[in-house]
Amino acid sequence: MNPDMLPFDEARSSLLAKARPIRDLEMVDTLVAHGRVLAADVRSPIAVPALDTSMMDGYAMRTCDVTAAGTRLPISQRIPAGSVGTTLQPGTAARIFTGAPLPPGADAVVMQELCEHAGDEVIINHVPRAAEAMRAAGSEIAAGDVVLPAATRMRAQEIGLAASVGIAQLAVLRRMRVALFSTGDELVMPGEALPPGGVYNSNRFQLRVLLEQLGCAVTDFGIVPDQLDATRAVLRQAAQGHDLILTSGGVSVGEEDHVKPAVQAEGALELWKIAMKPGKPLAYGHVGAAAFIGLPGNPVSSFVTFLLMVRPFVLATQGAASVLPKALTLRADFDWPRPDRRREFLRARINDSGGVEIHGNQGAAALSSIVWAEGLADVPAETPVRKGEMIRFLPYGELLC
């Protein structure tokens, strides 16, 4: 490995160490809390279930009244979900439905398939155990329990849990504010005529969506001309009221790459060469109070570097407890006999037999490979892969949410 290149894990750890978590909080309705990070523990104000509850349609009874199969009991009441019965009298049964609370005095439910309805009576063809087919009050959640700890990033299931215990509003950290722009006189917006040498600006689209999926509030400064003064002016503007400035392109050392000197003039900059492929160059620094990250201009490199470097940084800044993706260990259904000196992240997907296959074009400009893929195959530096070996696979489900 080139000694000037930082190992991937070291570079990511260094970047995460620079993240400054947001401390400002706000109250939001639970219904719109998706993607937000909790600023405080959420405690349940109620027990779940609040009362002993039937797990199925059947008959509630006292176990002491049913000592043998074939016992007949008069049906004293009917309890649908959403209603509360009266105290169950000894020697009787209550018709009960799934989710309904057991009447006081009952200590078991027998499912209706094990019973026979006979006019005003029920024949119990099963000897129940105490607590059979019922959820005890507080068996899932006790009143006062922490149901969602601080630093939890809210997904549909966490929102559902908060709603299930009656939480209408949540204390969350404010959204991360990100300024986004691209540089390059060759960039053209979709819908415009493409001149000779021009390139449609895909990075602006994919990076904005990636940031918004992470819950960021994005200010899009568009395309900045390849001019030092123009770049410096946008950086000064972007530094106002933003936590992060994210750019793509312009951080190399060419005569038309003005982001590097502009950031150095307005703040401070570190240029890293990371031992990863695609996505070797990454710039980190700050302009005023805003952090700065400069991604490669190549759209595939920009995409992969965002997922593996910027996403954890954003999550750490948002205060999330979990920021790194979880990998699967799967069988390689491909050969990779000539590995790079850098750690490689190959566009890949899981085939019908449960193995990992890779796209035929791993070039850094093949955006179609990102669409075809379902994740990234993680290949260590200078390590050939032979079909049948086990490898690490990073699914998009861990990288795009």
Protein backbone atom coordinates (compact mmCIF):
# COMPACT_ATOMS: atom_id res chain seq x y z
CA MET A 1 0.00 0.00 0.00
CA ASN A 2 1.18 3.51 -0.77
CA PRO A 3 2.46 4.94 2.56
CA ASP A 4 0.79 8.25 1.69
CA MET A 5 -2.66 6.62 1.75
CA LEU A 6 -4.65 6.30 4.97
CA PRO A 7 -6.14 2.86 5.70
CA PHE A 8 -9.92 2.94 5.28
CA ASP A 9 -10.81 2.21 8.94
CA GLU A 10 -8.29 4.74 10.22
CA ALA A 11 -9.62 7.43 7.91
CA ARG A 12 -13.23 6.80 8.92
CA SER A 13 -12.33 6.80 12.63
CA SER A 14 -10.47 10.09 12.18
CA LEU A 15 -13.46 11.61 10.42
CA LEU A 16 -15.90 10.43 13.09
CA ALA A 17 -13.65 11.85 15.81
CA LYS A 18 -14.16 15.28 14.22
CA ALA A 19 -17.96 15.11 14.34
CA ARG A 20 -19.49 17.56 16.83
CA PRO A 21 -22.91 16.26 17.91
CA ILE A 22 -25.83 18.67 17.72
CA ARG A 23 -27.18 19.66 21.14
CA ASP A 24 -30.20 21.78 20.23
CA LEU A 25 -33.53 20.03 20.71
CA GLU A 26 -37.10 20.60 19.67
CA MET A 27 -40.48 18.97 20.15
CA VAL A 28 -42.09 17.33 17.14
CA ASP A 29 -45.28 15.37 16.64
CA THR A 30 -44.66 11.62 16.78
CA LEU A 31 -46.38 11.27 13.41
CA VAL A 32 -43.63 13.28 11.66
CA ALA A 33 -40.61 12.07 13.67
CA HIS A 34 -39.28 9.68 11.04
CA GLY A 35 -35.49 9.92 10.76
CA ARG A 36 -35.14 12.16 13.80
CA VAL A 37 -32.83 11.35 16.72
CA LEU A 38 -34.23 11.29 20.24
CA ALA A 39 -32.79 13.90 22.59
CA ALA A 40 -34.02 12.11 25.72
CA ASP A 41 -35.25 8.73 26.89
CA VAL A 42 -38.90 8.01 26.14
CA ARG A 43 -40.70 6.41 29.11
CA SER A 44 -44.05 4.74 28.85
CA PRO A 45 -46.80 6.45 30.86
CA ILE A 46 -48.84 3.24 30.82
CA ALA A 47 -48.43 -0.49 31.25
CA VAL A 48 -48.79 -2.66 28.16
CA PRO A 49 -51.15 -4.34 28.20
CA ALA A 50 -52.98 -2.16 30.69
CA LEU A 51 -55.12 -5.14 31.82
CA ASP A 52 -54.95 -8.91 31.52
CA THR A 53 -55.90 -9.41 27.86
CA SER A 54 -57.14 -12.29 25.74
CA MET A 55 -54.77 -13.47 23.02
CA MET A 56 -57.51 -15.04 20.93
CA ASP A 57 -61.22 -15.50 20.42
CA GLY A 58 -62.59 -17.96 22.96
CA TYR A 59 -63.98 -18.18 26.48
CA ALA A 60 -62.62 -16.67 29.69
CA MET A 61 -63.04 -18.75 32.84
CA ARG A 62 -61.68 -19.64 36.25
CA THR A 63 -59.36 -22.64 35.95
CA CYS A 64 -60.69 -24.03 39.20
CA ASP A 65 -64.10 -24.41 37.50
CA VAL A 66 -62.74 -26.63 34.68
CA THR A 67 -61.11 -29.75 36.10
CA ALA A 68 -62.03 -32.12 33.27
CA ALA A 69 -62.63 -31.97 29.53
CA GLY A 70 -66.31 -31.73 28.68
CA THR A 71 -67.17 -29.35 31.51
CA ARG A 72 -70.29 -27.28 30.82
CA LEU A 73 -70.45 -23.65 31.98
CA PRO A 74 -73.20 -21.08 31.48
CA ILE A 75 -72.13 -18.05 29.41
CA SER A 76 -72.63 -15.06 31.67
CA GLN A 77 -71.41 -12.22 29.43
CA ARG A 78 -69.91 -11.25 26.09
CA ILE A 79 -66.74 -9.10 25.94
CA PRO A 80 -65.62 -7.71 22.56
CA ALA A 81 -62.35 -5.78 22.16
CA GLY A 82 -62.69 -2.24 23.45
CA SER A 83 -65.12 -3.08 26.25
CA VAL A 84 -64.67 -4.17 29.85
CA GLY A 85 -66.67 -6.99 31.40
CA THR A 86 -68.07 -7.38 34.87
CA THR A 87 -66.67 -9.65 37.57
CA LEU A 88 -66.88 -13.27 36.44
CA GLN A 89 -69.13 -15.24 38.76
CA PRO A 90 -67.88 -18.66 39.95
CA GLY A 91 -69.00 -21.50 37.72
CA THR A 92 -69.56 -19.33 34.62
CA ALA A 93 -67.63 -18.41 31.46
CA ALA A 94 -67.43 -15.22 29.41
CA ARG A 95 -67.43 -15.14 25.62
CA ILE A 96 -64.32 -13.08 24.81
CA PHE A 97 -62.57 -11.82 21.71
CA THR A 98 -58.94 -11.14 20.81
CA GLY A 99 -57.58 -8.05 22.55
CA ALA A 100 -60.41 -7.77 25.05
CA PRO A 101 -59.55 -7.50 28.76
CA LEU A 102 -60.34 -10.51 30.93
CA PRO A 103 -63.16 -9.90 33.40
CA PRO A 104 -62.09 -9.71 37.07
CA GLY A 105 -61.99 -13.23 38.49
CA ALA A 106 -61.00 -14.99 35.23
CA ASP A 107 -57.49 -16.43 35.05
CA ALA A 108 -57.41 -18.20 31.66
CA VAL A 109 -58.85 -18.27 28.15
CA VAL A 110 -59.65 -21.39 26.14
CA MET A 111 -59.64 -20.85 22.38
CA GLN A 112 -62.98 -21.28 20.66
CA GLU A 113 -61.74 -24.24 18.59
CA LEU A 114 -61.47 -26.23 21.83
CA CYS A 115 -65.02 -25.36 22.88
CA GLU A 116 -68.55 -26.10 21.74
CA HIS A 117 -71.30 -23.53 21.90
CA ALA A 118 -74.51 -25.05 23.25
CA GLY A 119 -77.25 -22.44 23.57
CA ASP A 120 -76.61 -20.46 26.74
CA GLU A 121 -73.75 -22.77 27.69
CA VAL A 122 -70.27 -23.62 26.47
CA ILE A 123 -68.69 -27.08 26.59
CA ILE A 124 -64.99 -26.83 27.43
CA ASN A 125 -63.13 -29.72 25.77
CA HIS A 126 -59.80 -28.79 27.29
CA VAL A 127 -58.44 -28.37 30.82
CA PRO A 128 -56.80 -24.91 30.89
CA ARG A 129 -53.68 -23.86 32.73
CA ALA A 130 -53.57 -20.65 34.74
CA ALA A 131 -52.75 -17.67 32.47
CA GLU A 132 -53.34 -19.71 29.29
CA ALA A 133 -53.97 -17.66 26.12
CA MET A 134 -53.75 -14.36 27.94
CA ARG A 135 -51.27 -11.48 28.16
CA ALA A 136 -50.74 -10.40 31.73
CA ALA A 137 -51.04 -6.72 32.55
CA GLY A 138 -47.62 -5.06 32.17
CA SER A 139 -46.04 -8.21 30.73
CA GLU A 140 -44.64 -6.32 27.74
CA ILE A 141 -44.07 -2.86 29.21
CA ALA A 142 -44.39 -1.61 32.77
CA ALA A 143 -45.45 1.96 33.43
CA GLY A 144 -42.31 4.09 33.64
CA ASP A 145 -40.16 1.75 31.55
CA VAL A 146 -37.75 3.32 29.04
CA VAL A 147 -39.16 2.15 25.73
CA LEU A 148 -36.84 4.19 23.50
CA PRO A 149 -33.44 5.38 24.77
CA ALA A 150 -31.93 8.74 23.88
CA ALA A 151 -29.91 8.73 20.64
CA THR A 152 -32.36 6.34 18.97
CA ARG A 153 -32.92 7.20 15.31
CA MET A 154 -36.63 6.94 14.69
CA ARG A 155 -37.90 4.47 12.11
CA ALA A 156 -41.45 3.31 11.43
CA GLN A 157 -41.26 0.68 14.18
CA GLU A 158 -39.99 3.11 16.82
CA ILE A 159 -42.70 5.60 15.86
CA GLY A 160 -45.28 2.85 16.16
CA LEU A 161 -44.01 1.89 19.61
CA ALA A 162 -44.12 5.50 20.82
CA ALA A 163 -47.65 5.87 19.54
CA SER A 164 -48.70 2.58 21.16
CA VAL A 165 -47.96 3.96 24.61
CA GLY A 166 -49.72 7.26 23.91
CA ILE A 167 -46.72 9.52 23.19
CA ALA A 168 -47.98 12.36 20.97
CA GLN A 169 -44.77 14.41 20.87
CA LEU A 170 -41.08 13.60 21.10
CA ALA A 171 -38.01 15.58 22.13
CA VAL A 172 -35.58 15.28 19.22
CA LEU A 173 -32.35 16.92 18.17
CA ARG A 174 -32.82 19.57 15.52
CA ARG A 175 -32.15 18.63 11.94
CA MET A 176 -28.57 18.83 10.72
CA ARG A 177 -28.22 21.76 8.33
CA VAL A 178 -26.13 21.00 5.25
CA ALA A 179 -25.03 23.31 2.45
CA LEU A 180 -24.48 21.49 -0.84
CA PHE A 181 -22.85 22.57 -4.07
CA SER A 182 -20.95 21.20 -7.05
CA THR A 183 -18.07 22.78 -8.96
CA GLY A 184 -17.13 22.45 -12.60
CA ASP A 185 -17.71 24.50 -15.73
CA GLU A 186 -18.40 21.23 -17.55
CA LEU A 187 -21.51 20.53 -15.46
CA VAL A 188 -24.91 20.92 -17.09
CA MET A 189 -28.34 20.54 -15.49
CA PRO A 190 -30.67 17.85 -16.87
CA GLY A 191 -33.11 19.41 -19.30
CA GLU A 192 -30.47 21.67 -20.81
CA ALA A 193 -28.70 20.98 -24.09
CA LEU A 194 -25.45 19.09 -23.53
CA PRO A 195 -22.56 20.93 -25.21
CA PRO A 196 -19.40 19.18 -26.40
CA GLY A 197 -17.40 18.20 -23.32
CA GLY A 198 -20.35 18.79 -21.01
CA VAL A 199 -21.52 16.39 -18.29
CA TYR A 200 -24.94 16.26 -16.67
CA ASN A 201 -24.71 17.00 -12.95
CA SER A 202 -25.84 13.73 -11.36
CA ASN A 203 -23.99 14.36 -8.10
CA ARG A 204 -26.25 17.27 -7.18
CA PHE A 205 -29.27 15.01 -7.45
CA GLN A 206 -27.98 11.91 -5.70
CA LEU A 207 -26.20 13.74 -2.87
CA ARG A 208 -29.23 15.87 -2.09
CA VAL A 209 -31.46 12.80 -1.90
CA LEU A 210 -28.94 10.94 0.26
CA LEU A 211 -28.78 13.86 2.70
CA GLU A 212 -32.55 14.24 2.86
CA GLN A 213 -32.95 10.49 3.50
CA LEU A 214 -30.75 11.02 6.56
CA GLY A 215 -33.10 13.74 7.80
CA CYS A 216 -30.88 16.70 6.93
CA ALA A 217 -32.19 20.14 6.04
CA VAL A 218 -30.37 20.84 2.77
CA THR A 219 -29.59 24.23 1.24
CA ASP A 220 -28.69 23.64 -2.40
CA PHE A 221 -26.28 26.24 -3.79
CA GLY A 222 -26.27 24.58 -7.21
CA ILE A 223 -23.29 24.66 -9.54
CA VAL A 224 -20.44 27.04 -8.70
CA PRO A 225 -18.22 28.27 -11.57
CA ASP A 226 -14.58 27.21 -11.65
CA GLN A 227 -13.43 30.53 -10.28
CA LEU A 228 -11.59 31.09 -7.01
CA ASP A 229 -13.50 34.25 -6.05
CA ALA A 230 -16.87 32.65 -6.80
CA THR A 231 -15.98 29.56 -4.76
CA ARG A 232 -14.79 31.65 -1.81
CA ALA A 233 -17.99 33.71 -1.89
CA VAL A 234 -20.22 30.61 -1.83
CA LEU A 235 -18.18 29.08 1.01
CA ARG A 236 -18.63 32.22 3.12
CA GLN A 237 -22.37 32.16 2.47
CA ALA A 238 -22.64 28.42 3.09
CA ALA A 239 -20.80 28.67 6.40
CA GLN A 240 -23.56 30.85 7.81
CA GLY A 241 -26.09 28.76 9.73
CA HIS A 242 -24.95 25.34 8.48
CA ASP A 243 -23.35 22.42 10.30
CA LEU A 244 -21.72 20.95 7.19
CA ILE A 245 -20.68 22.10 3.75
CA LEU A 246 -20.61 19.20 1.30
CA THR A 247 -19.16 19.52 -2.19
CA SER A 248 -18.28 17.26 -5.07
CA GLY A 249 -15.36 17.91 -7.38
CA GLY A 250 -12.67 20.57 -7.37
CA VAL A 251 -10.49 19.27 -4.53
CA SER A 252 -7.60 18.04 -6.66
CA VAL A 253 -4.55 20.12 -7.50
CA GLY A 254 -5.32 21.07 -11.11
CA GLU A 255 -5.36 24.65 -12.32
CA GLU A 256 -9.16 24.64 -12.48
CA ASP A 257 -9.67 22.97 -9.07
CA HIS A 258 -10.47 25.94 -6.85
CA VAL A 259 -12.19 24.33 -3.86
CA LYS A 260 -8.92 23.46 -2.12
CA PRO A 261 -7.42 26.98 -2.15
CA ALA A 262 -10.83 28.51 -1.44
CA VAL A 263 -11.36 26.44 1.71
CA GLN A 264 -7.78 27.10 2.81
CA ALA A 265 -8.36 30.83 2.35
CA GLU A 266 -11.67 30.87 4.22
CA GLY A 267 -10.90 28.23 6.85
CA ALA A 268 -8.73 25.13 7.11
CA LEU A 269 -8.41 22.00 5.01
CA GLU A 270 -6.91 18.53 5.17
CA LEU A 271 -6.59 16.44 2.01
CA TRP A 272 -6.70 12.71 2.56
CA LYS A 273 -5.81 9.94 0.18
CA ILE A 274 -7.76 6.97 1.47
CA ALA A 275 -6.81 3.43 0.58
CA MET A 276 -10.26 2.65 -0.82
CA LYS A 277 -11.58 2.08 -4.33
CA PRO A 278 -13.59 3.81 -5.62
CA GLY A 279 -13.19 7.13 -3.84
CA LYS A 280 -9.55 7.67 -2.92
CA PRO A 281 -9.53 11.49 -2.49
CA LEU A 282 -11.46 13.06 0.39
CA ALA A 283 -11.13 16.56 1.78
CA TYR A 284 -12.03 17.51 5.34
CA GLY A 285 -11.84 20.89 7.02
CA HIS A 286 -13.97 23.75 8.26
CA VAL A 287 -15.15 27.17 7.18
CA GLY A 288 -16.12 29.19 10.21
CA ALA A 289 -18.18 26.94 12.49
CA ALA A 290 -19.25 24.67 9.63
CA ALA A 291 -17.46 21.41 8.90
CA PHE A 292 -16.40 20.89 5.30
CA ILE A 293 -16.23 17.63 3.34
CA GLY A 294 -15.19 17.53 -0.28
CA LEU A 295 -16.08 14.41 -2.26
CA PRO A 296 -14.61 13.21 -5.54
CA GLY A 297 -16.32 14.55 -8.65
CA ASN A 298 -16.74 11.13 -10.22
CA PRO A 299 -20.38 10.19 -9.51
CA VAL A 300 -19.72 6.55 -8.51
CA SER A 301 -16.81 7.56 -6.27
CA SER A 302 -18.95 10.32 -4.80
CA PHE A 303 -21.82 7.90 -4.11
CA VAL A 304 -19.68 5.20 -2.49
CA THR A 305 -17.62 7.67 -0.46
CA PHE A 306 -20.80 9.29 0.80
CA LEU A 307 -22.22 5.96 1.97
CA LEU A 308 -19.05 4.82 3.72
CA MET A 309 -17.66 8.11 5.04
CA VAL A 310 -20.17 10.96 5.00
CA ARG A 311 -23.18 8.96 6.20
CA PRO A 312 -21.49 7.88 9.49
CA PHE A 313 -20.24 11.46 9.98
CA VAL A 314 -23.75 12.86 9.49
CA LEU A 315 -25.29 10.31 11.86
CA ALA A 316 -22.64 11.04 14.50
CA THR A 317 -23.29 14.78 14.16
CA GLN A 318 -27.01 14.11 14.53
CA GLY A 319 -26.28 12.33 17.82
CA ALA A 320 -27.28 8.83 16.68
CA ALA A 321 -26.04 5.96 18.83
CA SER A 322 -25.46 3.61 15.89
CA VAL A 323 -23.58 5.04 12.90
CA LEU A 324 -21.72 2.18 11.19
CA PRO A 325 -23.40 -0.29 8.80
CA LYS A 326 -23.68 -3.95 9.72
CA ALA A 327 -22.23 -6.39 7.20
CA LEU A 328 -23.45 -9.82 6.19
CA THR A 329 -21.06 -12.73 5.67
CA LEU A 330 -22.06 -14.45 2.45
CA ARG A 331 -20.64 -16.74 -0.18
CA ALA A 332 -18.83 -15.12 -3.11
CA ASP A 333 -20.20 -16.34 -6.43
CA PHE A 334 -17.46 -14.57 -8.36
CA ASP A 335 -13.70 -14.60 -8.80
CA TRP A 336 -11.62 -11.49 -8.20
CA PRO A 337 -8.11 -12.69 -9.02
CA ARG A 338 -6.34 -9.34 -9.38
CA PRO A 339 -7.11 -7.28 -6.28
CA ASP A 340 -6.08 -3.65 -5.92
CA ARG A 341 -3.59 -2.33 -3.39
CA ARG A 342 -6.55 -0.48 -1.88
CA ARG A 343 -9.59 -1.87 -0.11
CA GLU A 344 -12.26 -2.30 -2.75
CA PHE A 345 -16.01 -1.91 -2.53
CA LEU A 346 -17.52 -3.70 -5.49
CA ARG A 347 -21.06 -3.08 -6.66
CA ALA A 348 -22.80 -6.36 -5.96
CA ARG A 349 -26.09 -8.06 -5.24
CA ILE A 350 -27.41 -11.31 -3.76
CA ASN A 351 -28.44 -13.91 -6.32
CA ASP A 352 -31.24 -16.46 -6.08
CA SER A 353 -28.96 -19.04 -4.46
CA GLY A 354 -27.95 -16.67 -1.67
CA GLY A 355 -24.47 -15.90 -3.00
CA VAL A 356 -22.98 -12.55 -3.92
CA GLU A 357 -22.44 -11.65 -7.56
CA ILE A 358 -20.79 -8.50 -8.85
CA HIS A 359 -21.59 -6.16 -11.72
CA GLY A 360 -19.50 -6.72 -14.84
CA ASN A 361 -18.45 -3.07 -15.02
CA GLN A 362 -16.73 -1.89 -11.86
CA GLY A 363 -15.50 1.30 -13.51
CA ALA A 364 -15.77 4.49 -11.48
CA ALA A 365 -18.04 6.09 -14.07
CA ALA A 366 -20.59 3.25 -14.34
CA LEU A 367 -23.59 4.74 -12.54
CA SER A 368 -25.77 1.96 -13.94
CA SER A 369 -23.85 -0.48 -11.71
CA ILE A 370 -25.14 1.37 -8.62
CA VAL A 371 -28.72 0.89 -9.77
CA TRP A 372 -28.15 -2.79 -10.59
CA ALA A 373 -26.49 -3.46 -7.22
CA GLU A 374 -28.11 -4.22 -3.87
CA GLY A 375 -25.01 -3.32 -1.88
CA LEU A 376 -21.23 -3.43 -1.80
CA ALA A 377 -18.90 -6.41 -1.60
CA ASP A 378 -16.08 -5.49 0.80
CA VAL A 379 -12.76 -6.84 -0.54
CA PRO A 380 -9.65 -6.26 1.63
CA ALA A 381 -6.58 -4.74 -0.02
CA GLU A 382 -4.36 -7.11 -1.97
CA THR A 383 -6.71 -10.03 -1.24
CA PRO A 384 -7.91 -12.16 -4.15
CA VAL A 385 -11.41 -13.60 -3.94
CA ARG A 386 -12.18 -17.09 -5.18
CA LYS A 387 -15.66 -18.35 -5.91
CA GLY A 388 -17.07 -20.15 -2.88
CA GLU A 389 -15.15 -18.13 -0.28
CA MET A 390 -16.99 -16.12 2.36
CA ILE A 391 -16.90 -12.34 2.07
CA ARG A 392 -18.39 -9.28 3.76
CA PHE A 393 -21.42 -7.77 2.04
CA LEU A 394 -22.81 -4.35 2.94
CA PRO A 395 -26.48 -4.25 1.87
CA TYR A 396 -28.04 -0.99 0.73
CA GLY A 397 -30.52 -1.48 3.56
CA GLU A 398 -27.66 -0.59 5.93
CA LEU A 399 -26.29 2.21 3.79
CA LEU A 400 -29.27 4.06 2.37
CA CYS A 401 -31.38 4.75 5.45
